[in-house]
N, C-alpha and C. Protein backbone atom coordinates (compact mmCIF):
# COMPACT_ATOMS: atom_id res chain seq x y z
N MET A 1 16.28 -36.77 -19.29
CA MET A 1 17.51 -37.32 -18.76
C MET A 1 18.29 -37.96 -19.92
N ALA A 2 19.53 -37.56 -20.06
CA ALA A 2 20.40 -38.11 -21.10
C ALA A 2 21.03 -39.42 -20.61
N THR A 3 21.53 -40.20 -21.53
CA THR A 3 22.10 -41.50 -21.17
C THR A 3 23.36 -41.37 -20.33
N ASP A 4 24.05 -40.22 -20.40
CA ASP A 4 25.26 -40.07 -19.59
C ASP A 4 24.99 -39.33 -18.28
N ASP A 5 23.72 -39.14 -17.92
CA ASP A 5 23.38 -38.50 -16.65
C ASP A 5 23.65 -39.44 -15.48
N ILE A 6 23.95 -38.84 -14.35
CA ILE A 6 24.12 -39.57 -13.09
C ILE A 6 23.16 -38.96 -12.09
N PHE A 7 22.97 -39.63 -10.97
CA PHE A 7 22.11 -39.08 -9.92
C PHE A 7 22.94 -38.72 -8.70
N VAL A 8 22.62 -37.57 -8.12
CA VAL A 8 23.17 -37.13 -6.84
C VAL A 8 21.98 -36.78 -5.96
N GLN A 9 22.23 -36.64 -4.67
CA GLN A 9 21.19 -36.19 -3.76
C GLN A 9 21.51 -34.78 -3.30
N VAL A 10 20.52 -33.90 -3.40
CA VAL A 10 20.65 -32.53 -2.89
C VAL A 10 19.62 -32.36 -1.80
N ASP A 11 20.08 -32.21 -0.58
CA ASP A 11 19.20 -32.07 0.58
C ASP A 11 18.13 -33.16 0.59
N GLY A 12 18.56 -34.39 0.28
CA GLY A 12 17.68 -35.54 0.35
C GLY A 12 16.87 -35.82 -0.91
N ARG A 13 16.97 -34.97 -1.92
CA ARG A 13 16.20 -35.16 -3.15
C ARG A 13 17.12 -35.64 -4.27
N PRO A 14 16.70 -36.65 -5.03
CA PRO A 14 17.52 -37.11 -6.16
C PRO A 14 17.48 -36.08 -7.29
N VAL A 15 18.64 -35.85 -7.89
CA VAL A 15 18.77 -34.90 -9.00
C VAL A 15 19.62 -35.55 -10.09
N ALA A 16 19.13 -35.53 -11.32
CA ALA A 16 19.89 -36.04 -12.47
C ALA A 16 20.75 -34.92 -13.01
N VAL A 17 22.04 -35.18 -13.16
CA VAL A 17 22.98 -34.20 -13.71
C VAL A 17 23.86 -34.89 -14.75
N ALA A 18 24.43 -34.10 -15.63
CA ALA A 18 25.36 -34.64 -16.63
C ALA A 18 26.63 -35.10 -15.93
N GLN A 19 27.17 -36.20 -16.39
CA GLN A 19 28.46 -36.67 -15.88
C GLN A 19 29.48 -35.53 -16.00
N GLY A 20 30.19 -35.22 -14.92
CA GLY A 20 31.20 -34.17 -14.94
C GLY A 20 30.69 -32.79 -14.58
N ALA A 21 29.39 -32.64 -14.38
CA ALA A 21 28.84 -31.33 -13.99
C ALA A 21 29.32 -30.95 -12.60
N SER A 22 29.39 -29.67 -12.34
CA SER A 22 29.80 -29.20 -11.02
C SER A 22 28.66 -29.38 -10.03
N VAL A 23 29.02 -29.40 -8.76
CA VAL A 23 28.01 -29.49 -7.70
C VAL A 23 27.10 -28.25 -7.77
N ILE A 24 27.65 -27.09 -8.09
CA ILE A 24 26.82 -25.88 -8.17
C ILE A 24 25.76 -26.04 -9.26
N ALA A 25 26.12 -26.73 -10.38
CA ALA A 25 25.13 -27.00 -11.44
C ALA A 25 24.01 -27.89 -10.90
N ALA A 26 24.36 -28.88 -10.09
CA ALA A 26 23.35 -29.75 -9.50
C ALA A 26 22.42 -28.96 -8.58
N LEU A 27 22.97 -28.01 -7.84
CA LEU A 27 22.14 -27.19 -6.96
C LEU A 27 21.17 -26.34 -7.77
N VAL A 28 21.62 -25.79 -8.88
CA VAL A 28 20.74 -25.00 -9.73
C VAL A 28 19.64 -25.88 -10.30
N LEU A 29 19.99 -27.07 -10.79
CA LEU A 29 18.99 -27.99 -11.32
C LEU A 29 17.97 -28.40 -10.25
N ALA A 30 18.42 -28.46 -9.00
CA ALA A 30 17.54 -28.83 -7.89
C ALA A 30 16.74 -27.63 -7.37
N ASP A 31 16.96 -26.46 -7.97
CA ASP A 31 16.33 -25.22 -7.52
C ASP A 31 16.65 -24.95 -6.05
N SER A 32 17.88 -25.24 -5.69
CA SER A 32 18.37 -25.04 -4.33
C SER A 32 19.42 -23.93 -4.36
N LEU A 33 18.96 -22.69 -4.34
CA LEU A 33 19.85 -21.55 -4.52
C LEU A 33 20.31 -20.95 -3.20
N CYS A 34 20.60 -21.82 -2.25
CA CYS A 34 21.18 -21.41 -0.97
C CYS A 34 22.21 -22.45 -0.59
N THR A 35 23.48 -22.06 -0.58
CA THR A 35 24.52 -23.01 -0.21
C THR A 35 24.77 -23.03 1.29
N ARG A 36 24.59 -21.88 1.91
CA ARG A 36 24.83 -21.78 3.35
C ARG A 36 24.11 -20.55 3.87
N ARG A 37 24.22 -20.32 5.17
CA ARG A 37 23.64 -19.13 5.82
C ARG A 37 24.76 -18.31 6.44
N SER A 38 24.61 -17.00 6.34
CA SER A 38 25.59 -16.11 6.99
C SER A 38 25.37 -16.15 8.49
N VAL A 39 26.26 -15.52 9.26
CA VAL A 39 26.10 -15.49 10.71
C VAL A 39 24.82 -14.76 11.10
N GLY A 40 24.31 -13.90 10.22
CA GLY A 40 23.06 -13.20 10.48
C GLY A 40 21.83 -13.95 9.99
N GLY A 41 22.03 -15.14 9.38
CA GLY A 41 20.93 -15.97 8.92
C GLY A 41 20.52 -15.76 7.47
N GLU A 42 21.20 -14.86 6.75
CA GLU A 42 20.85 -14.61 5.36
C GLU A 42 21.32 -15.76 4.47
N ALA A 43 20.50 -16.07 3.48
CA ALA A 43 20.86 -17.11 2.52
C ALA A 43 22.04 -16.65 1.67
N ARG A 44 22.98 -17.54 1.42
CA ARG A 44 24.16 -17.24 0.60
C ARG A 44 24.19 -18.22 -0.57
N PHE A 45 24.85 -17.84 -1.67
CA PHE A 45 24.98 -18.71 -2.84
C PHE A 45 26.29 -18.38 -3.54
N ALA A 46 26.69 -19.22 -4.45
CA ALA A 46 27.94 -19.03 -5.20
C ALA A 46 27.97 -17.64 -5.82
N PHE A 47 29.15 -17.02 -5.77
CA PHE A 47 29.31 -15.67 -6.30
C PHE A 47 30.35 -15.63 -7.41
N CYS A 48 31.55 -16.13 -7.13
CA CYS A 48 32.65 -15.95 -8.10
C CYS A 48 32.80 -17.10 -9.08
N GLY A 49 32.42 -18.31 -8.69
CA GLY A 49 32.56 -19.46 -9.56
C GLY A 49 33.98 -19.98 -9.69
N MET A 50 34.92 -19.44 -8.88
CA MET A 50 36.33 -19.84 -8.95
C MET A 50 36.85 -20.39 -7.62
N GLY A 51 36.02 -20.42 -6.59
CA GLY A 51 36.45 -20.91 -5.29
C GLY A 51 37.06 -19.86 -4.39
N TYR A 52 37.21 -18.64 -4.89
CA TYR A 52 37.85 -17.59 -4.10
C TYR A 52 36.94 -17.02 -3.01
N CYS A 53 35.67 -16.81 -3.34
CA CYS A 53 34.77 -16.14 -2.39
C CYS A 53 34.30 -17.05 -1.26
N GLN A 54 34.35 -18.36 -1.44
CA GLN A 54 33.95 -19.35 -0.43
C GLN A 54 32.44 -19.35 -0.14
N GLU A 55 31.66 -18.66 -0.93
CA GLU A 55 30.21 -18.60 -0.69
C GLU A 55 29.49 -19.90 -1.08
N CYS A 56 30.16 -20.77 -1.81
CA CYS A 56 29.51 -21.98 -2.31
C CYS A 56 29.75 -23.19 -1.41
N ARG A 57 30.20 -22.97 -0.19
CA ARG A 57 30.53 -24.11 0.69
C ARG A 57 29.29 -24.93 1.03
N VAL A 58 29.41 -26.23 0.86
CA VAL A 58 28.36 -27.20 1.19
C VAL A 58 29.03 -28.41 1.83
N SER A 59 28.23 -29.30 2.37
CA SER A 59 28.75 -30.59 2.84
C SER A 59 28.55 -31.60 1.72
N ILE A 60 29.59 -32.36 1.42
CA ILE A 60 29.53 -33.39 0.40
C ILE A 60 29.95 -34.71 1.03
N ASP A 61 29.05 -35.67 0.98
CA ASP A 61 29.30 -36.99 1.56
C ASP A 61 29.76 -36.86 3.02
N GLY A 62 29.13 -35.94 3.74
CA GLY A 62 29.42 -35.76 5.16
C GLY A 62 30.62 -34.89 5.47
N ARG A 63 31.32 -34.43 4.46
CA ARG A 63 32.50 -33.58 4.68
C ARG A 63 32.10 -32.12 4.50
N PRO A 64 32.19 -31.31 5.56
CA PRO A 64 31.76 -29.91 5.48
C PRO A 64 32.76 -29.03 4.71
N HIS A 65 32.28 -27.87 4.32
CA HIS A 65 33.10 -26.80 3.73
C HIS A 65 33.74 -27.18 2.40
N ARG A 66 33.05 -27.99 1.61
CA ARG A 66 33.52 -28.32 0.26
C ARG A 66 33.04 -27.21 -0.69
N LEU A 67 33.84 -26.86 -1.66
CA LEU A 67 33.49 -25.80 -2.61
C LEU A 67 32.68 -26.39 -3.77
N ALA A 68 31.41 -26.03 -3.83
CA ALA A 68 30.50 -26.58 -4.84
C ALA A 68 30.89 -26.18 -6.26
N CYS A 69 31.49 -25.01 -6.41
CA CYS A 69 31.84 -24.55 -7.76
C CYS A 69 33.10 -25.24 -8.28
N GLN A 70 33.86 -25.87 -7.41
CA GLN A 70 35.11 -26.51 -7.81
C GLN A 70 35.08 -28.03 -7.71
N THR A 71 33.90 -28.59 -7.44
CA THR A 71 33.77 -30.02 -7.23
C THR A 71 32.86 -30.63 -8.30
N ALA A 72 33.33 -31.67 -8.97
CA ALA A 72 32.53 -32.38 -9.97
C ALA A 72 31.63 -33.40 -9.28
N CYS A 73 30.43 -33.54 -9.80
CA CYS A 73 29.49 -34.53 -9.26
C CYS A 73 29.96 -35.94 -9.57
N ARG A 74 29.70 -36.85 -8.63
CA ARG A 74 29.93 -38.27 -8.80
C ARG A 74 28.60 -38.98 -8.53
N ALA A 75 28.37 -40.07 -9.19
CA ALA A 75 27.14 -40.83 -8.98
C ALA A 75 27.00 -41.18 -7.49
N GLY A 76 25.82 -40.93 -6.95
CA GLY A 76 25.54 -41.26 -5.56
C GLY A 76 25.99 -40.22 -4.55
N MET A 77 26.61 -39.14 -4.99
CA MET A 77 27.09 -38.09 -4.10
C MET A 77 25.93 -37.52 -3.28
N VAL A 78 26.18 -37.26 -2.01
CA VAL A 78 25.17 -36.68 -1.13
C VAL A 78 25.61 -35.26 -0.78
N ILE A 79 24.80 -34.28 -1.18
CA ILE A 79 25.10 -32.87 -1.01
C ILE A 79 24.12 -32.27 -0.02
N ALA A 80 24.62 -31.63 1.01
CA ALA A 80 23.77 -30.96 2.00
C ALA A 80 24.10 -29.47 1.99
N THR A 81 23.09 -28.65 1.79
CA THR A 81 23.27 -27.20 1.77
C THR A 81 22.83 -26.61 3.10
N GLY A 82 22.99 -25.33 3.23
CA GLY A 82 22.52 -24.61 4.42
C GLY A 82 21.13 -24.06 4.27
N ALA A 83 20.39 -24.54 3.26
CA ALA A 83 19.08 -23.99 2.96
C ALA A 83 18.11 -24.08 4.14
N GLY A 84 18.16 -25.16 4.88
CA GLY A 84 17.22 -25.33 5.98
C GLY A 84 17.73 -24.90 7.33
N SER A 85 19.02 -24.61 7.43
CA SER A 85 19.58 -24.27 8.74
C SER A 85 19.53 -22.77 8.98
N GLN A 86 19.45 -22.44 10.22
CA GLN A 86 19.46 -21.04 10.64
C GLN A 86 20.68 -20.77 11.48
N ALA A 87 21.19 -19.54 11.44
CA ALA A 87 22.37 -19.20 12.22
C ALA A 87 22.04 -19.10 13.69
């Protein structure tokens, strides 16, 4: 952990990330490679990295449908993915 790291929560687990890192980077560090589930129940994850595909949608601080690839982490941020939910 570097001195400029902050902590966020990913699906209830604390994760140290660099200040200014994207939420998608925090998910990768947390080994949480599922942002949501398709209507058929398949795991989905970020695809384009630009916010266009919408595959990176997660809940951040209780707000659904936030784009993980376009959102910078803040200390104490709570990120909920679709990893545990089923369609």
